[in-house]
N, C-alpha and C. Protein backbone atom coordinates (compact mmCIF):
# COMPACT_ATOMS: atom_id res chain seq x y z
N MET A 1 100.18 70.80 131.26
CA MET A 1 101.04 71.97 131.31
C MET A 1 100.18 73.23 131.12
N ILE A 2 100.49 74.26 131.84
CA ILE A 2 99.74 75.51 131.79
C ILE A 2 100.21 76.34 130.60
N ASN A 3 99.25 76.88 129.88
CA ASN A 3 99.56 77.76 128.75
C ASN A 3 99.87 79.15 129.30
N ASN A 4 101.10 79.63 129.07
CA ASN A 4 101.51 80.93 129.59
C ASN A 4 101.25 82.07 128.63
N LYS A 5 100.59 81.80 127.53
CA LYS A 5 100.29 82.85 126.56
C LYS A 5 99.29 83.82 127.18
N HIS A 6 99.65 85.08 127.14
CA HIS A 6 98.79 86.12 127.72
C HIS A 6 97.70 86.51 126.75
N LYS A 7 96.51 86.73 127.27
CA LYS A 7 95.40 87.14 126.43
C LYS A 7 95.35 88.66 126.26
N ASP A 8 96.08 89.37 127.09
CA ASP A 8 96.13 90.82 126.99
C ASP A 8 97.03 91.22 125.82
N PRO A 9 96.48 91.86 124.78
CA PRO A 9 97.30 92.23 123.61
C PRO A 9 98.36 93.29 123.93
N LEU A 10 98.24 93.94 125.08
CA LEU A 10 99.22 94.96 125.45
C LEU A 10 100.34 94.41 126.33
N HIS A 11 100.25 93.13 126.68
CA HIS A 11 101.28 92.53 127.55
C HIS A 11 102.64 92.59 126.86
N GLY A 12 103.59 93.20 127.54
CA GLY A 12 104.96 93.28 127.03
C GLY A 12 105.18 94.37 125.99
N ILE A 13 104.17 95.18 125.73
CA ILE A 13 104.28 96.25 124.74
C ILE A 13 104.35 97.58 125.47
N THR A 14 105.37 98.36 125.16
CA THR A 14 105.50 99.67 125.80
C THR A 14 104.67 100.71 125.06
N LEU A 15 104.40 101.80 125.74
CA LEU A 15 103.67 102.91 125.11
C LEU A 15 104.45 103.44 123.91
N GLU A 16 105.75 103.48 124.01
CA GLU A 16 106.57 103.94 122.89
C GLU A 16 106.42 103.00 121.69
N MET A 17 106.41 101.70 121.91
CA MET A 17 106.24 100.73 120.83
C MET A 17 104.88 100.92 120.16
N ILE A 18 103.85 101.17 120.97
CA ILE A 18 102.51 101.39 120.43
C ILE A 18 102.48 102.62 119.55
N LEU A 19 103.04 103.71 120.05
CA LEU A 19 103.03 104.97 119.31
C LEU A 19 103.83 104.87 118.02
N VAL A 20 105.00 104.27 118.07
CA VAL A 20 105.82 104.11 116.86
C VAL A 20 105.07 103.27 115.83
N TYR A 21 104.43 102.20 116.27
CA TYR A 21 103.65 101.35 115.37
C TYR A 21 102.54 102.15 114.68
N LEU A 22 101.79 102.91 115.47
CA LEU A 22 100.67 103.67 114.91
C LEU A 22 101.15 104.74 113.93
N VAL A 23 102.24 105.41 114.27
CA VAL A 23 102.76 106.46 113.39
C VAL A 23 103.24 105.83 112.07
N GLU A 24 103.91 104.68 112.16
CA GLU A 24 104.37 104.01 110.94
C GLU A 24 103.20 103.49 110.11
N LYS A 25 102.16 103.01 110.77
CA LYS A 25 101.03 102.41 110.06
C LYS A 25 100.07 103.44 109.48
N ILE A 26 99.69 104.44 110.28
CA ILE A 26 98.66 105.39 109.82
C ILE A 26 99.15 106.83 109.70
N GLY A 27 100.30 107.15 110.27
CA GLY A 27 100.87 108.49 110.16
C GLY A 27 100.30 109.47 111.18
N TRP A 28 101.03 110.56 111.39
CA TRP A 28 100.63 111.57 112.38
C TRP A 28 99.29 112.21 112.01
N GLU A 29 99.11 112.52 110.73
CA GLU A 29 97.89 113.23 110.31
C GLU A 29 96.64 112.38 110.60
N ASN A 30 96.68 111.12 110.23
CA ASN A 30 95.53 110.25 110.50
C ASN A 30 95.36 109.98 111.99
N LEU A 31 96.48 109.89 112.69
CA LEU A 31 96.41 109.71 114.14
C LEU A 31 95.72 110.90 114.79
N ALA A 32 96.05 112.10 114.33
CA ALA A 32 95.43 113.32 114.87
C ALA A 32 93.95 113.39 114.54
N ARG A 33 93.57 112.86 113.38
CA ARG A 33 92.14 112.84 113.02
C ARG A 33 91.37 111.85 113.88
N ARG A 34 91.97 110.72 114.15
CA ARG A 34 91.26 109.66 114.88
C ARG A 34 91.23 109.91 116.38
N ILE A 35 92.29 110.55 116.89
CA ILE A 35 92.35 110.91 118.32
C ILE A 35 92.70 112.39 118.37
N ARG A 36 91.74 113.20 118.79
CA ARG A 36 91.91 114.65 118.76
C ARG A 36 92.78 115.12 119.92
N ILE A 37 94.08 115.08 119.70
CA ILE A 37 95.05 115.51 120.71
C ILE A 37 96.04 116.44 120.01
N ASN A 38 96.28 117.60 120.59
CA ASN A 38 97.16 118.59 119.96
C ASN A 38 98.57 118.07 119.71
N CYS A 39 99.09 117.23 120.59
CA CYS A 39 100.46 116.76 120.40
C CYS A 39 100.60 115.87 119.16
N PHE A 40 99.50 115.39 118.61
CA PHE A 40 99.52 114.63 117.36
C PHE A 40 99.35 115.56 116.16
N ALA A 41 98.74 116.71 116.36
CA ALA A 41 98.39 117.60 115.25
C ALA A 41 99.40 118.72 115.02
N LYS A 42 99.99 119.23 116.08
CA LYS A 42 100.87 120.40 115.96
C LYS A 42 102.30 120.01 116.31
N ASP A 43 103.15 120.02 115.30
CA ASP A 43 104.57 119.70 115.47
C ASP A 43 104.77 118.39 116.26
N PRO A 44 104.21 117.29 115.76
CA PRO A 44 104.24 116.04 116.52
C PRO A 44 105.63 115.40 116.60
N SER A 45 105.88 114.76 117.71
CA SER A 45 107.09 113.96 117.88
C SER A 45 106.77 112.84 118.85
N ILE A 46 107.54 111.79 118.77
CA ILE A 46 107.36 110.66 119.68
C ILE A 46 107.58 111.14 121.12
N LYS A 47 108.66 111.88 121.33
CA LYS A 47 109.02 112.31 122.68
C LYS A 47 107.92 113.16 123.33
N SER A 48 107.42 114.18 122.62
CA SER A 48 106.41 115.06 123.22
C SER A 48 105.09 114.29 123.42
N SER A 49 104.78 113.42 122.49
CA SER A 49 103.55 112.64 122.62
C SER A 49 103.63 111.69 123.81
N LEU A 50 104.78 111.05 123.99
CA LEU A 50 104.93 110.14 125.13
C LEU A 50 104.80 110.89 126.45
N THR A 51 105.38 112.08 126.51
CA THR A 51 105.28 112.88 127.74
C THR A 51 103.82 113.17 128.07
N PHE A 52 103.05 113.58 127.07
CA PHE A 52 101.64 113.88 127.28
C PHE A 52 100.86 112.62 127.65
N LEU A 53 101.06 111.55 126.90
CA LEU A 53 100.28 110.32 127.11
C LEU A 53 100.57 109.69 128.48
N ARG A 54 101.79 109.82 128.95
CA ARG A 54 102.13 109.26 130.27
C ARG A 54 101.46 110.03 131.40
N ARG A 55 101.14 111.28 131.16
CA ARG A 55 100.49 112.12 132.18
C ARG A 55 98.97 112.14 132.07
N THR A 56 98.44 111.66 130.94
CA THR A 56 97.02 111.81 130.66
C THR A 56 96.40 110.45 130.37
N SER A 57 95.78 109.87 131.39
CA SER A 57 95.31 108.48 131.28
C SER A 57 94.22 108.30 130.22
N TRP A 58 93.31 109.27 130.05
CA TRP A 58 92.25 109.11 129.07
C TRP A 58 92.83 109.07 127.65
N ALA A 59 93.86 109.87 127.41
CA ALA A 59 94.49 109.90 126.08
C ALA A 59 95.27 108.60 125.83
N ARG A 60 95.96 108.13 126.84
CA ARG A 60 96.70 106.88 126.72
C ARG A 60 95.73 105.74 126.40
N LYS A 61 94.60 105.71 127.06
CA LYS A 61 93.60 104.67 126.83
C LYS A 61 93.12 104.69 125.38
N LYS A 62 92.89 105.88 124.84
CA LYS A 62 92.45 105.99 123.44
C LYS A 62 93.52 105.47 122.49
N VAL A 63 94.77 105.77 122.77
CA VAL A 63 95.87 105.30 121.93
C VAL A 63 95.98 103.77 122.02
N GLU A 64 95.88 103.24 123.24
CA GLU A 64 95.93 101.79 123.42
C GLU A 64 94.77 101.09 122.70
N ASP A 65 93.59 101.67 122.80
CA ASP A 65 92.42 101.09 122.13
C ASP A 65 92.59 101.11 120.61
N LEU A 66 93.12 102.20 120.08
CA LEU A 66 93.36 102.28 118.64
C LEU A 66 94.39 101.24 118.22
N TYR A 67 95.42 101.06 119.00
CA TYR A 67 96.44 100.05 118.72
C TYR A 67 95.82 98.66 118.66
N ILE A 68 95.00 98.33 119.64
CA ILE A 68 94.33 97.02 119.67
C ILE A 68 93.45 96.84 118.44
N THR A 69 92.74 97.89 118.06
CA THR A 69 91.91 97.83 116.86
C THR A 69 92.77 97.59 115.62
N GLU A 70 93.87 98.30 115.51
CA GLU A 70 94.74 98.19 114.34
C GLU A 70 95.40 96.81 114.26
N ILE A 71 95.89 96.28 115.37
CA ILE A 71 96.53 94.95 115.30
C ILE A 71 95.48 93.88 115.04
N GLY A 72 94.25 94.12 115.50
CA GLY A 72 93.16 93.19 115.21
C GLY A 72 92.83 93.16 113.74
N SER A 73 92.85 94.34 113.09
CA SER A 73 92.54 94.39 111.66
C SER A 73 93.66 93.75 110.85
N VAL A 74 94.89 93.86 111.31
CA VAL A 74 96.02 93.22 110.63
C VAL A 74 95.90 91.70 110.76
N SER A 75 95.54 91.22 111.94
CA SER A 75 95.37 89.78 112.16
C SER A 75 94.26 89.22 111.27
N LYS A 76 93.15 89.92 111.18
CA LYS A 76 92.04 89.45 110.36
C LYS A 76 92.41 89.44 108.88
N LYS A 77 93.15 90.45 108.43
CA LYS A 77 93.58 90.48 107.03
C LYS A 77 94.52 89.33 106.74
N GLY A 78 95.39 89.03 107.71
CA GLY A 78 96.35 87.95 107.52
C GLY A 78 95.71 86.58 107.43
N THR A 79 94.57 86.36 108.08
CA THR A 79 93.93 85.06 108.07
C THR A 79 93.05 84.85 106.85
N THR A 80 92.67 85.92 106.17
CA THR A 80 91.78 85.78 105.02
C THR A 80 92.53 85.68 103.71
N GLN A 81 93.82 85.96 103.72
CA GLN A 81 94.58 85.93 102.47
C GLN A 81 95.13 84.56 102.20
């Protein structure tokens, strides 16, 4: 039987889900420090950030990469406890 588990950590995850996760985990202030984007630093909101990220591929890539890093660190912490 073929294993249908996807190796892509972003499979089935929307940009909104990624952004909400990051904001809940590290907050807007830390997000703005780690990814220098004005929509994270000045009057941030999910809606305005999504609008910008959907139009700006380099920024979306940085957010996706940060998400992958963060879920990887959570997985590693979970296996060592």
